[in-house]
Amino acid sequence: DQANITSYGAAIVAIMTLEAFAGMWINAFIVSVICMAGVQKKSLNSNEKILLFLGCSRFWHLCFSWLYSVLSIIFPHSSKVQSMYTPILSIQGFFECSNLWASVCLSVFYCVKIANFRNSFFICLKVKIDRIVPWLLLGSVLLALPIGILVYKIAGKELCNNSTHQGNFSKVCIKTNDGIFPIYFIYGFGYVVSFTAVIFSALLLLFSLWRHKCNMQRNSMKDLSMDAHIKAMKSILSFLVMYSINFVFLILTMNSSMNKENAITFLIYMCMYAFPAVHSLLLIFSNPKLEKTFLSILLCLKCKVCLR
């Protein structure tokens, strides 16, 4: 049994390390390209500000998730390591929620910038969206703070032995009367609200693009921006699909029957850890500047490998 547990833990560490470092590299790439562009232009547009904040949040979220997973698997019974669980889980929870809300801000930003409605409120929002973005990012930080504080208070209590290998603070198992309900409620409420916002943004954008396409066909006109609109629609739809999958997995992790070490639980957590990397890749390929730089780096790496 000990050999099976060891092999199971080694498999988790290996796959989580691969996913975490891939995600950290991808998000570090996004941050680096945007920072260099900001230095050259001496300014950043709203889209770049959101991507910069999102990339930083995801980088540190993956970093602390990987650190907690490795420590809890390799040293599950070390008192010195267990004393580090509380700050690590708290910081991880903060960055996880901040990158969640930053993703929502990005979806809402795409919707407001691209969608075209004659509603006075929507027109006013479109005009002021660039000034609102910094406040939205600040709101993402403020909304993530309660989670970080609650995790710090609750994770200081006894951690369940059957969940110390998981790298997600929602798996900290405490008795309900000891205060676990607030963290489940706030974390679940945040996911529901953010998921609803993404769905609402996607539906508004799809309706706007559908109406725009109908107008172009009715007037027999060719719109040069249609390709950009369609590309944005594909990006939003891909975001929606990924958010849906991630949301379902989150609900499954809150089910007490999923706390056991089995293949289904393993698959769920692998998919959840892959989400930051895959979603960031979609962001790269939906941004022409990031896509061009990313492909040029891959081409250089391919040439070096071929020369060897």
C-alpha atoms as a PDB file:
ATOM      1  CA  ASP A   1       0.000   0.000   0.000  1.00  0.00           C
ATOM      2  CA  GLN A   2       2.842   2.379   0.854  1.00  0.00           C
ATOM      3  CA  ALA A   3       4.389   1.704  -2.537  1.00  0.00           C
ATOM      4  CA  ASN A   4       1.077   2.448  -4.251  1.00  0.00           C
ATOM      5  CA  ILE A   5       0.693   5.698  -2.296  1.00  0.00           C
ATOM      6  CA  THR A   6       4.248   6.673  -3.179  1.00  0.00           C
ATOM      7  CA  SER A   7       3.731   5.978  -6.870  1.00  0.00           C
ATOM      8  CA  TYR A   8       0.388   7.804  -6.778  1.00  0.00           C
ATOM      9  CA  GLY A   9       2.011  10.831  -5.138  1.00  0.00           C
ATOM     10  CA  ALA A  10       4.920  10.747  -7.576  1.00  0.00           C
ATOM     11  CA  ALA A  11       2.504  10.728 -10.513  1.00  0.00           C
ATOM     12  CA  ILE A  12       0.637  13.719  -9.079  1.00  0.00           C
ATOM     13  CA  VAL A  13       3.871  15.640  -8.480  1.00  0.00           C
ATOM     14  CA  ALA A  14       5.174  14.883 -11.980  1.00  0.00           C
ATOM     15  CA  ILE A  15       2.002  15.941 -13.795  1.00  0.00           C
ATOM     16  CA  MET A  16       1.374  18.974 -11.576  1.00  0.00           C
ATOM     17  CA  THR A  17       4.981  20.075 -12.070  1.00  0.00           C
ATOM     18  CA  LEU A  18       4.609  19.794 -15.841  1.00  0.00           C
ATOM     19  CA  GLU A  19       1.320  21.696 -15.879  1.00  0.00           C
ATOM     20  CA  ALA A  20       2.429  24.313 -13.352  1.00  0.00           C
ATOM     21  CA  PHE A  21       5.726  25.129 -15.072  1.00  0.00           C
ATOM     22  CA  ALA A  22       4.068  25.208 -18.499  1.00  0.00           C
ATOM     23  CA  GLY A  23       1.436  27.594 -17.147  1.00  0.00           C
ATOM     24  CA  MET A  24       4.033  29.745 -15.384  1.00  0.00           C
ATOM     25  CA  TRP A  25       6.134  29.961 -18.557  1.00  0.00           C
ATOM     26  CA  ILE A  26       3.106  30.932 -20.678  1.00  0.00           C
ATOM     27  CA  ASN A  27       1.930  33.598 -18.245  1.00  0.00           C
ATOM     28  CA  ALA A  28       5.480  34.894 -17.717  1.00  0.00           C
ATOM     29  CA  PHE A  29       5.685  35.237 -21.495  1.00  0.00           C
ATOM     30  CA  ILE A  30       2.485  37.331 -21.548  1.00  0.00           C
ATOM     31  CA  VAL A  31       3.768  39.568 -18.740  1.00  0.00           C
ATOM     32  CA  SER A  32       7.199  39.988 -20.365  1.00  0.00           C
ATOM     33  CA  VAL A  33       5.838  40.921 -23.805  1.00  0.00           C
ATOM     34  CA  ILE A  34       3.345  43.405 -22.370  1.00  0.00           C
ATOM     35  CA  CYS A  35       5.972  44.976 -20.087  1.00  0.00           C
ATOM     36  CA  MET A  36       8.400  45.422 -22.995  1.00  0.00           C
ATOM     37  CA  ALA A  37       5.616  46.936 -25.092  1.00  0.00           C
ATOM     38  CA  GLY A  38       4.748  49.264 -22.216  1.00  0.00           C
ATOM     39  CA  VAL A  39       8.378  50.406 -21.888  1.00  0.00           C
ATOM     40  CA  GLN A  40       8.549  51.110 -25.620  1.00  0.00           C
ATOM     41  CA  LYS A  41       5.228  52.964 -25.780  1.00  0.00           C
ATOM     42  CA  LYS A  42       5.500  54.374 -22.222  1.00  0.00           C
ATOM     43  CA  SER A  43       1.851  53.451 -21.764  1.00  0.00           C
ATOM     44  CA  LEU A  44      -0.498  50.467 -21.791  1.00  0.00           C
ATOM     45  CA  ASN A  45      -3.992  50.229 -23.216  1.00  0.00           C
ATOM     46  CA  SER A  46      -6.856  48.748 -21.199  1.00  0.00           C
ATOM     47  CA  ASN A  47      -6.581  45.298 -22.783  1.00  0.00           C
ATOM     48  CA  GLU A  48      -2.876  45.120 -21.973  1.00  0.00           C
ATOM     49  CA  LYS A  49      -3.488  46.218 -18.382  1.00  0.00           C
ATOM     50  CA  ILE A  50      -5.979  43.394 -17.869  1.00  0.00           C
ATOM     51  CA  LEU A  51      -3.684  40.836 -19.509  1.00  0.00           C
ATOM     52  CA  LEU A  52      -0.749  42.031 -17.402  1.00  0.00           C
ATOM     53  CA  PHE A  53      -2.731  41.724 -14.172  1.00  0.00           C
ATOM     54  CA  LEU A  54      -4.152  38.358 -15.228  1.00  0.00           C
ATOM     55  CA  GLY A  55      -0.737  36.995 -16.202  1.00  0.00           C
ATOM     56  CA  CYS A  56       0.825  38.037 -12.876  1.00  0.00           C
ATOM     57  CA  SER A  57      -2.051  36.569 -10.858  1.00  0.00           C
ATOM     58  CA  ARG A  58      -1.937  33.256 -12.682  1.00  0.00           C
ATOM     59  CA  PHE A  59       1.834  33.011 -12.465  1.00  0.00           C
ATOM     60  CA  TRP A  60       1.830  33.362  -8.680  1.00  0.00           C
ATOM     61  CA  HIS A  61      -1.279  31.194  -8.295  1.00  0.00           C
ATOM     62  CA  LEU A  62       0.422  28.341 -10.157  1.00  0.00           C
ATOM     63  CA  CYS A  63       3.650  28.920  -8.245  1.00  0.00           C
ATOM     64  CA  PHE A  64       2.050  28.633  -4.803  1.00  0.00           C
ATOM     65  CA  SER A  65      -0.255  25.791  -5.902  1.00  0.00           C
ATOM     66  CA  TRP A  66       2.736  23.777  -7.064  1.00  0.00           C
ATOM     67  CA  LEU A  67       4.707  24.599  -3.918  1.00  0.00           C
ATOM     68  CA  TYR A  68       1.878  23.507  -1.624  1.00  0.00           C
ATOM     69  CA  SER A  69       1.242  20.297  -3.595  1.00  0.00           C
ATOM     70  CA  VAL A  70       4.892  19.261  -3.612  1.00  0.00           C
ATOM     71  CA  LEU A  71       5.444  20.012   0.082  1.00  0.00           C
ATOM     72  CA  SER A  72       2.260  18.249   1.201  1.00  0.00           C
ATOM     73  CA  ILE A  73       3.047  15.134  -0.864  1.00  0.00           C
ATOM     74  CA  ILE A  74       6.762  14.823  -0.132  1.00  0.00           C
ATOM     75  CA  PHE A  75       6.558  15.877   3.535  1.00  0.00           C
ATOM     76  CA  PRO A  76       2.967  15.031   4.578  1.00  0.00           C
ATOM     77  CA  HIS A  77       3.752  14.562   8.283  1.00  0.00           C
ATOM     78  CA  SER A  78       6.468  17.155   8.833  1.00  0.00           C
ATOM     79  CA  SER A  79       5.440  19.707  11.472  1.00  0.00           C
ATOM     80  CA  LYS A  80       7.813  22.281   9.999  1.00  0.00           C
ATOM     81  CA  VAL A  81       6.172  21.963   6.590  1.00  0.00           C
ATOM     82  CA  GLN A  82       2.652  21.965   8.029  1.00  0.00           C
ATOM     83  CA  SER A  83       3.381  25.313   9.699  1.00  0.00           C
ATOM     84  CA  MET A  84       3.894  26.705   6.177  1.00  0.00           C
ATOM     85  CA  TYR A  85       0.514  25.482   4.913  1.00  0.00           C
ATOM     86  CA  THR A  86      -1.464  28.411   6.294  1.00  0.00           C
ATOM     87  CA  PRO A  87       0.374  31.286   4.543  1.00  0.00           C
ATOM     88  CA  ILE A  88       0.829  29.289   1.334  1.00  0.00           C
ATOM     89  CA  LEU A  89      -2.860  28.371   1.116  1.00  0.00           C
ATOM     90  CA  SER A  90      -3.889  31.919   1.971  1.00  0.00           C
ATOM     91  CA  ILE A  91      -1.720  33.469  -0.744  1.00  0.00           C
ATOM     92  CA  GLN A  92      -2.804  30.785  -3.223  1.00  0.00           C
ATOM     93  CA  GLY A  93      -6.471  31.461  -2.488  1.00  0.00           C
ATOM     94  CA  PHE A  94      -5.950  35.196  -2.942  1.00  0.00           C
ATOM     95  CA  PHE A  95      -4.262  34.827  -6.340  1.00  0.00           C
ATOM     96  CA  GLU A  96      -6.757  32.196  -7.496  1.00  0.00           C
ATOM     97  CA  CYS A  97      -9.692  34.521  -6.842  1.00  0.00           C
ATOM     98  CA  SER A  98      -7.923  37.586  -8.237  1.00  0.00           C
ATOM     99  CA  ASN A  99      -7.157  35.830 -11.528  1.00  0.00           C
ATOM    100  CA  LEU A 100     -10.747  34.565 -11.649  1.00  0.00           C
ATOM    101  CA  TRP A 101     -12.131  38.109 -11.396  1.00  0.00           C
ATOM    102  CA  ALA A 102      -9.513  39.440 -13.820  1.00  0.00           C
ATOM    103  CA  SER A 103     -10.721  36.861 -16.359  1.00  0.00           C
ATOM    104  CA  VAL A 104     -14.253  38.149 -15.869  1.00  0.00           C
ATOM    105  CA  CYS A 105     -13.026  41.724 -16.390  1.00  0.00           C
ATOM    106  CA  LEU A 106     -11.409  40.649 -19.664  1.00  0.00           C
ATOM    107  CA  SER A 107     -14.618  39.029 -20.940  1.00  0.00           C
ATOM    108  CA  VAL A 108     -16.689  42.085 -19.972  1.00  0.00           C
ATOM    109  CA  PHE A 109     -14.112  44.366 -21.595  1.00  0.00           C
ATOM    110  CA  TYR A 110     -14.278  42.419 -24.875  1.00  0.00           C
ATOM    111  CA  CYS A 111     -18.058  42.572 -24.789  1.00  0.00           C
ATOM    112  CA  VAL A 112     -18.222  46.322 -24.153  1.00  0.00           C
ATOM    113  CA  LYS A 113     -15.550  47.166 -26.726  1.00  0.00           C
ATOM    114  CA  ILE A 114     -16.874  44.985 -29.560  1.00  0.00           C
ATOM    115  CA  ALA A 115     -20.635  44.782 -29.042  1.00  0.00           C
ATOM    116  CA  ASN A 116     -22.745  47.533 -30.567  1.00  0.00           C
ATOM    117  CA  PHE A 117     -26.009  48.531 -28.880  1.00  0.00           C
ATOM    118  CA  ARG A 118     -27.962  51.784 -29.005  1.00  0.00           C
ATOM    119  CA  ASN A 119     -28.785  51.717 -25.317  1.00  0.00           C
ATOM    120  CA  SER A 120     -27.653  54.953 -23.633  1.00  0.00           C
ATOM    121  CA  PHE A 121     -26.154  53.110 -20.656  1.00  0.00           C
ATOM    122  CA  PHE A 122     -24.162  50.792 -22.929  1.00  0.00           C
ATOM    123  CA  ILE A 123     -22.924  53.737 -25.024  1.00  0.00           C
ATOM    124  CA  CYS A 124     -21.824  55.553 -21.863  1.00  0.00           C
ATOM    125  CA  LEU A 125     -20.095  52.400 -20.640  1.00  0.00           C
ATOM    126  CA  LYS A 126     -18.282  52.010 -23.959  1.00  0.00           C
ATOM    127  CA  VAL A 127     -17.014  55.582 -23.770  1.00  0.00           C
ATOM    128  CA  LYS A 128     -15.822  55.299 -20.161  1.00  0.00           C
ATOM    129  CA  ILE A 129     -14.594  51.680 -20.192  1.00  0.00           C
ATOM    130  CA  ASP A 130     -10.911  52.668 -20.428  1.00  0.00           C
ATOM    131  CA  ARG A 131     -11.216  54.745 -17.260  1.00  0.00           C
ATOM    132  CA  ILE A 132     -13.209  52.003 -15.519  1.00  0.00           C
ATOM    133  CA  VAL A 133     -10.695  49.186 -16.166  1.00  0.00           C
ATOM    134  CA  PRO A 134      -8.190  50.217 -13.409  1.00  0.00           C
ATOM    135  CA  TRP A 135     -11.061  50.317 -10.913  1.00  0.00           C
ATOM    136  CA  LEU A 136     -12.244  46.883 -12.064  1.00  0.00           C
ATOM    137  CA  LEU A 137      -8.767  45.476 -11.450  1.00  0.00           C
ATOM    138  CA  LEU A 138      -8.665  47.119  -8.037  1.00  0.00           C
ATOM    139  CA  GLY A 139     -12.060  45.567  -7.341  1.00  0.00           C
ATOM    140  CA  SER A 140     -10.632  42.162  -8.298  1.00  0.00           C
ATOM    141  CA  VAL A 141      -7.996  42.569  -5.587  1.00  0.00           C
ATOM    142  CA  LEU A 142     -10.523  43.728  -2.994  1.00  0.00           C
ATOM    143  CA  LEU A 143     -12.873  40.824  -3.792  1.00  0.00           C
ATOM    144  CA  ALA A 144     -10.000  38.335  -3.440  1.00  0.00           C
ATOM    145  CA  LEU A 145      -8.912  39.672  -0.048  1.00  0.00           C
ATOM    146  CA  PRO A 146     -11.809  38.119   1.969  1.00  0.00           C
ATOM    147  CA  ILE A 147     -10.963  34.698   0.564  1.00  0.00           C
ATOM    148  CA  GLY A 148      -7.299  35.074   1.488  1.00  0.00           C
ATOM    149  CA  ILE A 149      -8.188  36.211   5.021  1.00  0.00           C
ATOM    150  CA  LEU A 150     -10.721  33.412   5.561  1.00  0.00           C
ATOM    151  CA  VAL A 151      -8.314  30.791   4.255  1.00  0.00           C
ATOM    152  CA  TYR A 152      -5.599  32.091   6.593  1.00  0.00           C
ATOM    153  CA  LYS A 153      -7.917  31.777   9.595  1.00  0.00           C
ATOM    154  CA  ILE A 154      -9.406  28.402   8.700  1.00  0.00           C
ATOM    155  CA  ALA A 155      -6.270  26.726   7.323  1.00  0.00           C
ATOM    156  CA  GLY A 156      -4.559  27.350  10.639  1.00  0.00           C
ATOM    157  CA  LYS A 157      -6.782  24.687  12.105  1.00  0.00           C
ATOM    158  CA  GLU A 158      -6.370  20.977  11.608  1.00  0.00           C
ATOM    159  CA  LEU A 159      -6.079  19.843   7.959  1.00  0.00           C
ATOM    160  CA  CYS A 160      -7.713  16.562   7.039  1.00  0.00           C
ATOM    161  CA  ASN A 161      -5.221  13.779   6.320  1.00  0.00           C
ATOM    162  CA  ASN A 162      -7.116  12.664   3.230  1.00  0.00           C
ATOM    163  CA  SER A 163      -6.808  16.042   1.530  1.00  0.00           C
ATOM    164  CA  THR A 164      -3.270  17.207   2.274  1.00  0.00           C
ATOM    165  CA  HIS A 165      -2.096  16.165  -1.164  1.00  0.00           C
ATOM    166  CA  GLN A 166      -4.499  18.481  -2.961  1.00  0.00           C
ATOM    167  CA  GLY A 167      -3.254  21.886  -4.034  1.00  0.00           C
ATOM    168  CA  ASN A 168      -6.521  23.740  -3.620  1.00  0.00           C
ATOM    169  CA  PHE A 169      -7.651  25.569  -0.508  1.00  0.00           C
ATOM    170  CA  SER A 170     -11.253  24.458  -1.071  1.00  0.00           C
ATOM    171  CA  LYS A 171     -10.109  20.983   0.035  1.00  0.00           C
ATOM    172  CA  VAL A 172      -9.219  22.164   3.551  1.00  0.00           C
ATOM    173  CA  CYS A 173     -11.576  20.047   5.608  1.00  0.00           C
ATOM    174  CA  ILE A 174     -12.879  21.503   8.852  1.00  0.00           C
ATOM    175  CA  LYS A 175     -16.060  20.779  10.763  1.00  0.00           C
ATOM    176  CA  THR A 176     -18.969  22.927   9.650  1.00  0.00           C
ATOM    177  CA  ASN A 177     -19.432  24.484  13.086  1.00  0.00           C
ATOM    178  CA  ASP A 178     -15.759  25.517  13.110  1.00  0.00           C
ATOM    179  CA  GLY A 179     -16.361  27.998  10.303  1.00  0.00           C
ATOM    180  CA  ILE A 180     -15.919  26.177   6.982  1.00  0.00           C
ATOM    181  CA  PHE A 181     -19.312  27.384   5.711  1.00  0.00           C
ATOM    182  CA  PRO A 182     -18.231  31.038   5.133  1.00  0.00           C
ATOM    183  CA  ILE A 183     -15.330  30.083   2.867  1.00  0.00           C
ATOM    184  CA  TYR A 184     -17.464  27.641   0.846  1.00  0.00           C
ATOM    185  CA  PHE A 185     -20.233  30.218   0.576  1.00  0.00           C
ATOM    186  CA  ILE A 186     -18.002  33.136  -0.487  1.00  0.00           C
ATOM    187  CA  TYR A 187     -15.873  31.031  -2.828  1.00  0.00           C
ATOM    188  CA  GLY A 188     -18.925  29.370  -4.405  1.00  0.00           C
ATOM    189  CA  PHE A 189     -20.814  32.671  -4.616  1.00  0.00           C
ATOM    190  CA  GLY A 190     -17.828  34.300  -6.324  1.00  0.00           C
ATOM    191  CA  TYR A 191     -17.637  31.522  -8.894  1.00  0.00           C
ATOM    192  CA  VAL A 192     -21.378  31.686  -9.603  1.00  0.00           C
ATOM    193  CA  VAL A 193     -21.335  35.472 -10.054  1.00  0.00           C
ATOM    194  CA  SER A 194     -18.221  35.411 -12.254  1.00  0.00           C
ATOM    195  CA  PHE A 195     -19.537  32.520 -14.328  1.00  0.00           C
ATOM    196  CA  THR A 196     -22.845  34.353 -14.807  1.00  0.00           C
ATOM    197  CA  ALA A 197     -21.003  37.495 -15.905  1.00  0.00           C
ATOM    198  CA  VAL A 198     -19.029  35.519 -18.512  1.00  0.00           C
ATOM    199  CA  ILE A 199     -22.207  33.895 -19.860  1.00  0.00           C
ATOM    200  CA  PHE A 200     -24.004  37.249 -19.993  1.00  0.00           C
ATOM    201  CA  SER A 201     -21.046  38.879 -21.805  1.00  0.00           C
ATOM    202  CA  ALA A 202     -20.849  36.039 -24.314  1.00  0.00           C
ATOM    203  CA  LEU A 203     -24.587  36.170 -25.057  1.00  0.00           C
ATOM    204  CA  LEU A 204     -24.538  39.946 -25.528  1.00  0.00           C
ATOM    205  CA  LEU A 205     -21.551  39.724 -27.843  1.00  0.00           C
ATOM    206  CA  LEU A 206     -23.079  36.908 -29.891  1.00  0.00           C
ATOM    207  CA  PHE A 207     -26.352  38.797 -30.266  1.00  0.00           C
ATOM    208  CA  SER A 208     -24.537  41.975 -31.309  1.00  0.00           C
ATOM    209  CA  LEU A 209     -22.376  40.165 -33.859  1.00  0.00           C
ATOM    210  CA  TRP A 210     -25.361  38.270 -35.258  1.00  0.00           C
ATOM    211  CA  ARG A 211     -27.296  41.523 -35.714  1.00  0.00           C
ATOM    212  CA  HIS A 212     -24.245  43.198 -37.249  1.00  0.00           C
ATOM    213  CA  LYS A 213     -23.840  40.355 -39.741  1.00  0.00           C
ATOM    214  CA  CYS A 214     -27.516  40.518 -40.702  1.00  0.00           C
ATOM    215  CA  ASN A 215     -27.233  44.256 -41.331  1.00  0.00           C
ATOM    216  CA  MET A 216     -24.212  43.745 -43.549  1.00  0.00           C
ATOM    217  CA  GLN A 217     -25.983  41.075 -45.591  1.00  0.00           C
ATOM    218  CA  ARG A 218     -29.167  43.138 -45.883  1.00  0.00           C
ATOM    219  CA  ASN A 219     -27.263  46.188 -47.091  1.00  0.00           C
ATOM    220  CA  SER A 220     -24.979  44.100 -49.347  1.00  0.00           C
ATOM    221  CA  MET A 221     -21.942  45.672 -47.764  1.00  0.00           C
ATOM    222  CA  LYS A 222     -18.567  44.253 -46.866  1.00  0.00           C
ATOM    223  CA  ASP A 223     -17.283  45.113 -43.440  1.00  0.00           C
ATOM    224  CA  LEU A 224     -13.514  44.952 -43.049  1.00  0.00           C
ATOM    225  CA  SER A 225     -13.889  44.464 -39.299  1.00  0.00           C
ATOM    226  CA  MET A 226     -16.070  41.364 -39.649  1.00  0.00           C
ATOM    227  CA  ASP A 227     -13.052  39.045 -39.478  1.00  0.00           C
ATOM    228  CA  ALA A 228     -11.952  40.677 -36.235  1.00  0.00           C
ATOM    229  CA  HIS A 229     -15.473  40.347 -34.872  1.00  0.00           C
ATOM    230  CA  ILE A 230     -15.648  36.670 -35.764  1.00  0.00           C
ATOM    231  CA  LYS A 231     -12.234  36.063 -34.172  1.00  0.00           C
ATOM    232  CA  ALA A 232     -13.404  37.799 -31.008  1.00  0.00           C
ATOM    233  CA  MET A 233     -16.577  35.717 -31.016  1.00  0.00           C
ATOM    234  CA  LYS A 234     -14.554  32.516 -31.265  1.00  0.00           C
ATOM    235  CA  SER A 235     -12.359  33.662 -28.379  1.00  0.00           C
ATOM    236  CA  ILE A 236     -15.329  34.457 -26.161  1.00  0.00           C
ATOM    237  CA  LEU A 237     -16.981  31.130 -26.998  1.00  0.00           C
ATOM    238  CA  SER A 238     -13.778  29.258 -26.162  1.00  0.00           C
ATOM    239  CA  PHE A 239     -13.603  31.169 -22.865  1.00  0.00           C
ATOM    240  CA  LEU A 240     -17.209  30.231 -22.135  1.00  0.00           C
ATOM    241  CA  VAL A 241     -16.596  26.538 -22.817  1.00  0.00           C
ATOM    242  CA  MET A 242     -13.524  26.527 -20.573  1.00  0.00           C
ATOM    243  CA  TYR A 243     -15.296  28.405 -17.788  1.00  0.00           C
ATOM    244  CA  SER A 244     -18.161  25.902 -17.996  1.00  0.00           C
ATOM    245  CA  ILE A 245     -15.820  22.920 -17.658  1.00  0.00           C
ATOM    246  CA  ASN A 246     -13.888  24.553 -14.820  1.00  0.00           C
ATOM    247  CA  PHE A 247     -17.109  25.480 -13.020  1.00  0.00           C
ATOM    248  CA  VAL A 248     -18.409  21.887 -13.227  1.00  0.00           C
ATOM    249  CA  PHE A 249     -15.115  20.584 -11.855  1.00  0.00           C
ATOM    250  CA  LEU A 250     -15.280  23.081  -8.988  1.00  0.00           C
ATOM    251  CA  ILE A 251     -18.762  21.874  -8.049  1.00  0.00           C
ATOM    252  CA  LEU A 252     -17.511  18.289  -8.130  1.00  0.00           C
ATOM    253  CA  THR A 253     -14.626  19.092  -5.768  1.00  0.00           C
ATOM    254  CA  MET A 254     -17.108  20.440  -3.219  1.00  0.00           C
ATOM    255  CA  ASN A 255     -18.827  17.056  -3.140  1.00  0.00           C
ATOM    256  CA  SER A 256     -17.627  15.108  -0.120  1.00  0.00           C
ATOM    257  CA  SER A 257     -17.704  11.865  -2.111  1.00  0.00           C
ATOM    258  CA  MET A 258     -14.917  13.239  -4.330  1.00  0.00           C
ATOM    259  CA  ASN A 259     -12.417  13.540  -1.464  1.00  0.00           C
ATOM    260  CA  LYS A 260     -11.059  10.032  -1.984  1.00  0.00           C
ATOM    261  CA  GLU A 261      -7.908   9.271  -3.936  1.00  0.00           C
ATOM    262  CA  ASN A 262      -9.206   7.799  -7.184  1.00  0.00           C
ATOM    263  CA  ALA A 263      -8.830   8.218 -10.913  1.00  0.00           C
ATOM    264  CA  ILE A 264     -11.812  10.560 -11.259  1.00  0.00           C
ATOM    265  CA  THR A 265     -10.542  12.911  -8.546  1.00  0.00           C
ATOM    266  CA  PHE A 266      -7.085  12.805 -10.096  1.00  0.00           C
ATOM    267  CA  LEU A 267      -8.509  13.687 -13.536  1.00  0.00           C
ATOM    268  CA  ILE A 268     -10.609  16.552 -12.136  1.00  0.00           C
ATOM    269  CA  TYR A 269      -7.656  18.196 -10.434  1.00  0.00           C
ATOM    270  CA  MET A 270      -5.424  17.761 -13.456  1.00  0.00           C
ATOM    271  CA  CYS A 271      -8.004  19.521 -15.625  1.00  0.00           C
ATOM    272  CA  MET A 272      -8.423  22.319 -13.088  1.00  0.00           C
ATOM    273  CA  TYR A 273      -4.665  22.911 -12.960  1.00  0.00           C
ATOM    274  CA  ALA A 274      -4.482  22.887 -16.765  1.00  0.00           C
ATOM    275  CA  PHE A 275      -7.090  25.656 -17.007  1.00  0.00           C
ATOM    276  CA  PRO A 276      -4.732  28.656 -16.369  1.00  0.00           C
ATOM    277  CA  ALA A 277      -2.250  27.456 -19.002  1.00  0.00           C
ATOM    278  CA  VAL A 278      -4.802  26.572 -21.700  1.00  0.00           C
ATOM    279  CA  HIS A 279      -6.835  29.738 -21.180  1.00  0.00           C
ATOM    280  CA  SER A 280      -3.672  31.850 -21.342  1.00  0.00           C
ATOM    281  CA  LEU A 281      -2.731  30.126 -24.603  1.00  0.00           C
ATOM    282  CA  LEU A 282      -6.108  31.120 -26.036  1.00  0.00           C
ATOM    283  CA  LEU A 283      -5.436  34.686 -24.946  1.00  0.00           C
ATOM    284  CA  ILE A 284      -2.093  34.612 -26.753  1.00  0.00           C
ATOM    285  CA  PHE A 285      -3.601  33.381 -30.013  1.00  0.00           C
ATOM    286  CA  SER A 286      -6.422  35.940 -29.796  1.00  0.00           C
ATOM    287  CA  ASN A 287      -3.895  38.792 -29.568  1.00  0.00           C
ATOM    288  CA  PRO A 288      -1.930  39.465 -32.803  1.00  0.00           C
ATOM    289  CA  LYS A 289       1.142  40.899 -31.051  1.00  0.00           C
ATOM    290  CA  LEU A 290       1.375  38.088 -28.515  1.00  0.00           C
ATOM    291  CA  GLU A 291       0.706  35.471 -31.187  1.00  0.00           C
ATOM    292  CA  LYS A 292       3.426  36.808 -33.486  1.00  0.00           C
ATOM    293  CA  THR A 293       6.017  36.917 -30.702  1.00  0.00           C
ATOM    294  CA  PHE A 294       5.021  33.492 -29.388  1.00  0.00           C
ATOM    295  CA  LEU A 295       5.269  31.851 -32.825  1.00  0.00           C
ATOM    296  CA  SER A 296       8.633  33.503 -33.483  1.00  0.00           C
ATOM    297  CA  ILE A 297       9.990  32.093 -30.201  1.00  0.00           C
ATOM    298  CA  LEU A 298       8.702  28.623 -31.076  1.00  0.00           C
ATOM    299  CA  LEU A 299      10.299  28.930 -34.529  1.00  0.00           C
ATOM    300  CA  CYS A 300      13.648  29.889 -32.999  1.00  0.00           C
ATOM    301  CA  LEU A 301      13.479  26.946 -30.597  1.00  0.00           C
ATOM    302  CA  LYS A 302      12.620  24.619 -33.469  1.00  0.00           C
ATOM    303  CA  CYS A 303      15.584  25.870 -35.506  1.00  0.00           C
ATOM    304  CA  LYS A 304      17.980  25.358 -32.571  1.00  0.00           C
ATOM    305  CA  VAL A 305      16.697  21.817 -32.040  1.00  0.00           C
ATOM    306  CA  CYS A 306      17.075  21.038 -35.732  1.00  0.00           C
ATOM    307  CA  LEU A 307      20.657  22.387 -35.779  1.00  0.00           C
ATOM    308  CA  ARG A 308      21.593  20.051 -32.948  1.00  0.00           C
END
